[in-house]
Amino acid sequence: MTRRLLLLIRMARPPVIVLLALFTATGLAQAGHGEDRVLLARAFVVVFGFLVFSVACNDIADVLIDRVNLPGDPGRPLVTGTAHRREMVVAGVTAAVLALAASLTLHWPAIVVTVVGLAISANYSLRPVRLAARGVVAPLVLPACYVAVPYLTGVFAVRDTVRKGDLLLLAGLYVGFIGRILLKDFRDVRGDEMFGKRTFLVRHGRGWTCLFSAFCWTAGTLLLVAAVRHPTAPLIAANAVLLAAALLLLRALSTERGARRDEHLIAGIAIVGRGIALVLLVHLGLTNAHWTVPWHVGLMAAFTAGTLYLAVAMARRGPVTTSTRHPFDRTGAPQRANA
């Protein structure tokens, strides 16, 4: 039992589930019930099941690529041998059933969102459709799942209708997430090339990938500010500062200086992305609670400063791991297991 629970935790991938939880809470806050913990918990069960199902499909489909790109990664149970294919299938099916069952406790559109999300996620990874191997389609489809499913689940936990403002906010989150999802291909580029996976990075190279990512970051941030209810000067300033940080990190990433540096920069950019989502959630919460301007300014400044500190520290030192070994050396060649 404990082993299976650990498998589910690994499959949920804590950084990803935190981001999806932020999107879910944002949906509830946008609908005016961000403080309702019971509704948030019910919506989060749907999102958790959806994520585990998506990860199971992806890990099963990409096991050969992951053995090249991510040898020894504890987040890839099939690669490390801590789980077998049958266990991943069982976990994925169980997670899908859990997501569907939990969606039945929400308003009926949440069921539609869950079913469509599960179907798109399966077709993203699995053959015969396998959208992940279809070039520019992949970074457009995956964010549609990872943003729309949690966000709309949060909205439909509160009510059974979606409004124009909800869709505009979703568009901002979606476009911004495209800019982030493009960057994951830097880590996987060698295996993708070996197995013919035509990602945006493989097809267009580093420079164009960073440029398109920067465009998506900018457009997504502008959409968020335009769509959010009661935009305030602190919110606009926080988004401007965080966007500038993301663009500076992308500029640094556009220059090839080794896989380890890429990893550090992308991790720093990811923190900025979570910071933007968190600042948006804080703004909606403060607005719903009618907090005074000094509190609004103070909290926005605190969260922005904290995000910048963490992003800079991550870009300089990189993520903390149990090993200092990187799966690729600076030439892109795989290192030996005992290196």
Protein backbone atom coordinates (compact mmCIF):
# COMPACT_ATOMS: atom_id res chain seq x y z
CA MET A 1 0.00 0.00 0.00
CA THR A 2 2.78 2.43 0.96
CA ARG A 3 4.64 1.63 -2.24
CA ARG A 4 1.56 2.42 -4.33
CA LEU A 5 1.02 5.72 -2.51
CA LEU A 6 4.65 6.68 -3.17
CA LEU A 7 4.14 5.80 -6.83
CA LEU A 8 1.13 8.14 -7.04
CA ILE A 9 3.12 10.94 -5.38
CA ARG A 10 5.97 10.51 -7.86
CA MET A 11 3.52 10.47 -10.75
CA ALA A 12 1.83 13.67 -9.52
CA ARG A 13 5.20 15.49 -9.80
CA PRO A 14 4.97 18.05 -6.96
CA PRO A 15 5.98 21.17 -8.98
CA VAL A 16 3.30 20.38 -11.57
CA ILE A 17 0.54 19.61 -9.08
CA VAL A 18 1.31 22.85 -7.24
CA LEU A 19 0.86 24.80 -10.47
CA LEU A 20 -2.37 23.00 -11.34
CA ALA A 21 -3.62 23.62 -7.80
CA LEU A 22 -2.97 27.34 -8.33
CA PHE A 23 -5.02 27.25 -11.54
CA THR A 24 -7.82 25.43 -9.73
CA ALA A 25 -7.86 27.95 -6.88
CA THR A 26 -7.80 30.76 -9.44
CA GLY A 27 -10.94 29.35 -11.05
CA LEU A 28 -12.71 29.30 -7.71
CA ALA A 29 -11.53 32.82 -6.89
CA GLN A 30 -12.61 34.08 -10.32
CA ALA A 31 -16.07 32.65 -9.59
CA GLY A 32 -16.09 34.44 -6.22
CA HIS A 33 -15.54 31.48 -3.86
CA GLY A 34 -11.79 31.29 -3.46
CA GLU A 35 -12.14 30.92 0.31
CA ASP A 36 -14.35 27.78 0.13
CA ARG A 37 -11.96 25.01 1.18
CA VAL A 38 -14.49 22.20 0.74
CA LEU A 39 -15.18 23.15 -2.87
CA LEU A 40 -11.46 23.56 -3.50
CA ALA A 41 -10.78 20.07 -2.11
CA ARG A 42 -13.46 18.50 -4.30
CA ALA A 43 -12.19 20.27 -7.38
CA PHE A 44 -8.60 19.36 -6.52
CA VAL A 45 -9.46 15.63 -6.43
CA VAL A 46 -10.59 15.92 -10.05
CA VAL A 47 -7.39 17.70 -11.02
CA PHE A 48 -5.17 15.23 -9.14
CA GLY A 49 -6.80 12.27 -10.89
CA PHE A 50 -6.49 13.99 -14.26
CA LEU A 51 -2.79 14.72 -13.73
CA VAL A 52 -1.90 11.18 -12.62
CA PHE A 53 -3.76 9.75 -15.63
CA SER A 54 -1.92 12.16 -17.96
CA VAL A 55 1.48 11.31 -16.47
CA ALA A 56 0.77 7.57 -16.73
CA CYS A 57 -0.08 7.90 -20.43
CA ASN A 58 3.00 10.03 -21.09
CA ASP A 59 5.41 7.79 -19.17
CA ILE A 60 4.15 4.65 -20.88
CA ALA A 61 4.40 6.22 -24.33
CA ASP A 62 7.79 7.91 -23.81
CA VAL A 63 9.67 5.30 -21.78
CA LEU A 64 12.36 4.78 -24.43
CA ILE A 65 12.91 8.52 -24.87
CA ASP A 66 12.99 9.05 -21.10
CA ARG A 67 15.71 6.41 -20.73
CA VAL A 68 17.88 8.65 -22.91
CA ASN A 69 16.84 12.03 -21.54
CA LEU A 70 16.19 11.25 -17.86
CA PRO A 71 18.24 8.26 -16.71
CA GLY A 72 17.88 7.71 -12.97
CA ASP A 73 15.13 10.34 -12.57
CA PRO A 74 12.96 9.24 -9.60
CA GLY A 75 10.02 10.99 -11.22
CA ARG A 76 10.08 8.40 -14.02
CA PRO A 77 9.23 5.06 -12.30
CA LEU A 78 9.41 3.05 -15.52
CA VAL A 79 12.92 4.34 -16.19
CA THR A 80 14.23 3.64 -12.69
CA GLY A 81 12.46 0.28 -12.43
CA THR A 82 10.45 1.26 -9.33
CA ALA A 83 7.25 0.46 -11.23
CA HIS A 84 6.21 -1.81 -14.07
CA ARG A 85 4.07 -1.05 -17.09
CA ARG A 86 1.10 -2.93 -15.65
CA GLU A 87 1.25 -0.86 -12.46
CA MET A 88 1.30 2.34 -14.48
CA VAL A 89 -1.74 1.21 -16.46
CA VAL A 90 -3.63 0.36 -13.27
CA ALA A 91 -2.64 3.71 -11.69
CA GLY A 92 -3.74 5.61 -14.80
CA VAL A 93 -7.12 3.88 -15.07
CA THR A 94 -7.74 4.28 -11.32
CA ALA A 95 -6.86 7.97 -11.51
CA ALA A 96 -9.23 8.52 -14.45
CA VAL A 97 -12.08 6.84 -12.57
CA LEU A 98 -11.29 8.97 -9.51
CA ALA A 99 -11.35 12.17 -11.57
CA LEU A 100 -14.67 11.26 -13.18
CA ALA A 101 -16.25 10.25 -9.86
CA ALA A 102 -15.12 13.48 -8.19
CA SER A 103 -16.43 15.57 -11.10
CA LEU A 104 -19.91 14.15 -10.43
CA THR A 105 -19.94 16.08 -7.13
CA LEU A 106 -19.56 19.40 -8.99
CA HIS A 107 -21.80 21.19 -11.50
CA TRP A 108 -22.47 19.19 -14.67
CA PRO A 109 -20.07 21.13 -16.98
CA ALA A 110 -17.21 19.88 -14.79
CA ILE A 111 -18.00 16.35 -15.98
CA VAL A 112 -17.70 17.46 -19.62
CA VAL A 113 -14.41 19.23 -18.90
CA THR A 114 -13.03 16.12 -17.18
CA VAL A 115 -14.06 13.72 -19.97
CA VAL A 116 -12.70 15.99 -22.71
CA GLY A 117 -9.49 16.62 -20.74
CA LEU A 118 -8.86 12.90 -20.23
CA ALA A 119 -9.53 12.19 -23.91
CA ILE A 120 -7.19 14.93 -25.14
CA SER A 121 -4.48 13.88 -22.68
CA ALA A 122 -4.65 10.25 -23.84
CA ASN A 123 -4.49 11.26 -27.50
CA TYR A 124 -1.61 13.61 -26.76
CA SER A 125 0.64 10.74 -25.64
CA LEU A 126 -0.73 7.49 -27.03
CA ARG A 127 -0.87 6.07 -30.52
CA PRO A 128 -2.39 6.10 -33.06
CA VAL A 129 -3.02 9.86 -32.63
CA ARG A 130 0.01 10.85 -30.49
CA LEU A 131 -0.19 14.64 -30.77
CA ALA A 132 3.11 14.94 -28.85
CA ALA A 133 4.98 13.96 -32.02
CA ARG A 134 3.24 16.51 -34.26
CA GLY A 135 5.55 19.52 -34.03
CA VAL A 136 3.88 22.81 -33.15
CA VAL A 137 0.60 21.06 -32.27
CA ALA A 138 2.07 19.67 -29.03
CA PRO A 139 2.80 22.99 -27.24
CA LEU A 140 -0.67 24.21 -28.23
CA VAL A 141 -2.61 21.16 -27.04
CA LEU A 142 -0.84 20.32 -23.78
CA PRO A 143 -1.45 23.74 -22.15
CA ALA A 144 -5.11 23.43 -23.14
CA CYS A 145 -5.27 20.44 -20.79
CA TYR A 146 -2.98 21.61 -18.02
CA VAL A 147 -4.59 25.06 -17.81
CA ALA A 148 -8.19 24.63 -18.92
CA VAL A 149 -9.00 21.49 -16.93
CA PRO A 150 -7.99 22.81 -13.47
CA TYR A 151 -9.17 26.38 -14.09
CA LEU A 152 -12.59 25.41 -15.49
CA THR A 153 -13.01 22.74 -12.84
CA GLY A 154 -12.55 25.50 -10.26
CA VAL A 155 -15.12 27.71 -11.99
CA PHE A 156 -17.64 24.87 -12.38
CA ALA A 157 -17.23 23.91 -8.76
CA VAL A 158 -19.01 27.18 -7.99
CA ARG A 159 -21.49 27.61 -10.87
CA ASP A 160 -22.64 25.92 -14.07
CA THR A 161 -22.00 28.79 -16.46
CA VAL A 162 -18.89 30.42 -17.83
CA ARG A 163 -18.70 34.15 -18.47
CA LYS A 164 -16.75 36.32 -20.87
CA GLY A 165 -14.33 37.41 -18.14
CA ASP A 166 -13.68 33.77 -17.23
CA LEU A 167 -12.73 32.96 -20.82
CA LEU A 168 -10.48 35.99 -21.18
CA LEU A 169 -8.63 35.07 -18.00
CA LEU A 170 -8.33 31.49 -19.24
CA ALA A 171 -6.89 32.78 -22.52
CA GLY A 172 -4.21 34.72 -20.64
CA LEU A 173 -3.24 31.71 -18.54
CA TYR A 174 -3.24 29.48 -21.63
CA VAL A 175 -1.06 31.69 -23.83
CA GLY A 176 1.42 32.28 -21.01
CA PHE A 177 1.65 28.55 -20.34
CA ILE A 178 2.47 27.88 -24.00
CA GLY A 179 5.56 30.04 -23.49
CA ARG A 180 6.58 27.84 -20.58
CA ILE A 181 5.80 24.42 -22.04
CA LEU A 182 8.03 25.11 -25.06
CA LEU A 183 11.02 25.22 -22.74
CA LYS A 184 10.66 21.67 -21.44
CA ASP A 185 11.94 20.45 -24.79
CA PHE A 186 15.45 21.77 -24.02
CA ARG A 187 15.83 18.98 -21.46
CA ASP A 188 14.52 16.34 -23.85
CA VAL A 189 16.06 17.46 -27.14
CA ARG A 190 18.58 14.64 -27.57
CA GLY A 191 16.08 11.83 -27.07
CA ASP A 192 13.48 13.62 -29.17
CA GLU A 193 15.93 13.85 -32.07
CA MET A 194 16.93 10.20 -31.72
CA PHE A 195 13.35 8.94 -31.82
CA GLY A 196 12.03 11.38 -34.43
CA LYS A 197 9.88 13.46 -32.08
CA ARG A 198 9.54 16.72 -34.03
CA THR A 199 9.12 19.24 -31.24
CA PHE A 200 9.17 23.00 -31.85
CA LEU A 201 12.77 23.15 -30.61
CA VAL A 202 13.91 20.32 -32.88
CA ARG A 203 12.24 21.90 -35.90
CA HIS A 204 13.12 25.58 -35.37
CA GLY A 205 16.11 25.73 -33.03
CA ARG A 206 17.00 27.55 -29.82
CA GLY A 207 16.67 31.15 -31.02
CA TRP A 208 13.19 30.88 -32.51
CA THR A 209 11.97 28.81 -29.55
CA CYS A 210 13.07 31.48 -27.06
CA LEU A 211 11.62 34.23 -29.24
CA PHE A 212 8.23 32.52 -29.55
CA SER A 213 8.26 31.78 -25.84
CA ALA A 214 8.93 35.47 -25.10
CA PHE A 215 6.01 36.46 -27.35
CA CYS A 216 3.69 34.07 -25.50
CA TRP A 217 4.86 35.32 -22.08
CA THR A 218 4.21 38.91 -23.13
CA ALA A 219 0.82 38.25 -24.75
CA GLY A 220 -0.33 36.06 -21.88
CA THR A 221 0.62 38.63 -19.24
CA LEU A 222 -1.13 41.43 -21.12
CA LEU A 223 -4.25 39.28 -21.45
CA LEU A 224 -4.24 38.52 -17.73
CA VAL A 225 -4.02 42.18 -16.78
CA ALA A 226 -6.75 43.09 -19.27
CA ALA A 227 -9.08 40.26 -18.22
CA VAL A 228 -8.78 40.31 -14.42
CA ARG A 229 -11.53 41.87 -12.35
CA HIS A 230 -10.65 45.30 -10.93
CA PRO A 231 -7.00 45.50 -12.07
CA THR A 232 -4.95 47.58 -9.66
CA ALA A 233 -1.64 49.41 -9.92
CA PRO A 234 0.11 46.87 -7.62
CA LEU A 235 -1.10 43.99 -9.82
CA ILE A 236 0.04 45.69 -13.01
CA ALA A 237 3.41 46.55 -11.48
CA ALA A 238 3.92 43.01 -10.18
CA ASN A 239 3.14 41.49 -13.58
CA ALA A 240 5.43 43.98 -15.34
CA VAL A 241 8.35 43.16 -13.02
CA LEU A 242 7.86 39.40 -13.30
CA LEU A 243 7.45 39.57 -17.08
CA ALA A 244 10.69 41.53 -17.35
CA ALA A 245 12.46 38.86 -15.27
CA ALA A 246 11.13 36.10 -17.52
CA LEU A 247 12.24 37.92 -20.67
CA LEU A 248 15.74 38.48 -19.29
CA LEU A 249 16.05 34.78 -18.42
CA LEU A 250 14.81 33.84 -21.89
CA ARG A 251 17.40 36.11 -23.45
CA ALA A 252 20.10 34.31 -21.47
CA LEU A 253 18.65 30.94 -22.51
CA SER A 254 18.83 31.89 -26.19
CA THR A 255 22.62 31.56 -26.00
CA GLU A 256 24.00 28.01 -25.86
CA ARG A 257 26.33 27.55 -22.88
CA GLY A 258 25.72 24.00 -21.77
CA ALA A 259 22.88 21.74 -20.62
CA ARG A 260 23.37 22.44 -16.93
CA ARG A 261 23.01 26.20 -17.46
CA ASP A 262 19.87 25.60 -19.53
CA GLU A 263 18.41 23.55 -16.70
CA HIS A 264 19.10 26.33 -14.17
CA LEU A 265 17.60 29.06 -16.35
CA ILE A 266 14.48 27.06 -17.20
CA ALA A 267 13.93 26.25 -13.53
CA GLY A 268 14.20 29.97 -12.75
CA ILE A 269 11.69 30.80 -15.50
CA ALA A 270 9.30 28.20 -14.09
CA ILE A 271 9.41 29.93 -10.71
CA VAL A 272 8.52 33.24 -12.37
CA GLY A 273 5.55 31.54 -14.04
CA ARG A 274 4.29 30.17 -10.73
CA GLY A 275 4.83 33.63 -9.26
CA ILE A 276 2.58 35.23 -11.88
CA ALA A 277 -0.15 32.67 -11.17
CA LEU A 278 0.23 33.23 -7.42
CA VAL A 279 0.09 37.03 -7.74
CA LEU A 280 -3.10 36.69 -9.79
CA LEU A 281 -4.65 34.42 -7.16
CA VAL A 282 -3.66 36.80 -4.35
CA HIS A 283 -5.19 39.73 -6.24
CA LEU A 284 -8.50 37.89 -6.74
CA GLY A 285 -8.56 36.83 -3.09
CA LEU A 286 -7.86 40.34 -1.82
CA THR A 287 -10.45 41.80 -4.18
CA ASN A 288 -13.13 39.32 -3.08
CA ALA A 289 -12.33 40.00 0.58
CA HIS A 290 -12.29 43.80 0.07
CA TRP A 291 -8.90 44.28 1.72
CA THR A 292 -7.59 47.82 1.97
CA VAL A 293 -5.06 49.34 -0.45
CA PRO A 294 -2.04 49.24 1.95
CA TRP A 295 -2.49 45.50 2.46
CA HIS A 296 -2.88 45.01 -1.28
CA VAL A 297 0.33 46.92 -2.02
CA GLY A 298 2.27 45.20 0.74
CA LEU A 299 1.29 41.65 -0.17
CA MET A 300 1.84 42.18 -3.88
CA ALA A 301 5.28 43.62 -3.23
CA ALA A 302 6.16 40.77 -0.85
CA PHE A 303 5.11 38.01 -3.25
CA THR A 304 6.84 39.70 -6.18
CA ALA A 305 10.08 40.17 -4.26
CA GLY A 306 9.98 36.59 -2.99
CA THR A 307 9.43 35.24 -6.49
CA LEU A 308 12.34 37.26 -7.89
CA TYR A 309 14.66 36.10 -5.12
CA LEU A 310 13.80 32.43 -5.68
CA ALA A 311 14.04 32.75 -9.48
CA VAL A 312 17.47 34.41 -9.36
CA ALA A 313 18.75 31.87 -6.84
CA MET A 314 17.47 29.02 -9.00
CA ALA A 315 18.99 30.48 -12.18
CA ARG A 316 22.38 30.74 -10.44
CA ARG A 317 22.51 27.46 -8.50
CA GLY A 318 19.90 25.24 -10.13
CA PRO A 319 17.47 22.81 -8.53
CA VAL A 320 18.60 20.79 -5.52
CA THR A 321 19.03 17.13 -6.40
CA THR A 322 20.30 14.03 -4.66
CA SER A 323 23.13 13.86 -7.13
CA THR A 324 25.32 16.42 -8.85
CA ARG A 325 25.48 14.28 -11.98
CA HIS A 326 23.70 15.67 -14.99
CA PRO A 327 22.43 13.21 -17.63
CA PHE A 328 24.33 15.11 -20.34
CA ASP A 329 27.71 16.69 -20.41
CA ARG A 330 28.36 19.98 -22.18
CA THR A 331 28.70 18.28 -25.55
CA GLY A 332 25.34 16.59 -25.24
CA ALA A 333 26.82 13.10 -24.82
CA PRO A 334 25.32 10.85 -22.18
CA GLN A 335 27.52 10.27 -19.16
CA ARG A 336 28.20 6.82 -17.80
CA ALA A 337 26.07 5.70 -14.89
CA ASN A 338 29.06 5.67 -12.53
CA ALA A 339 30.33 9.10 -13.57
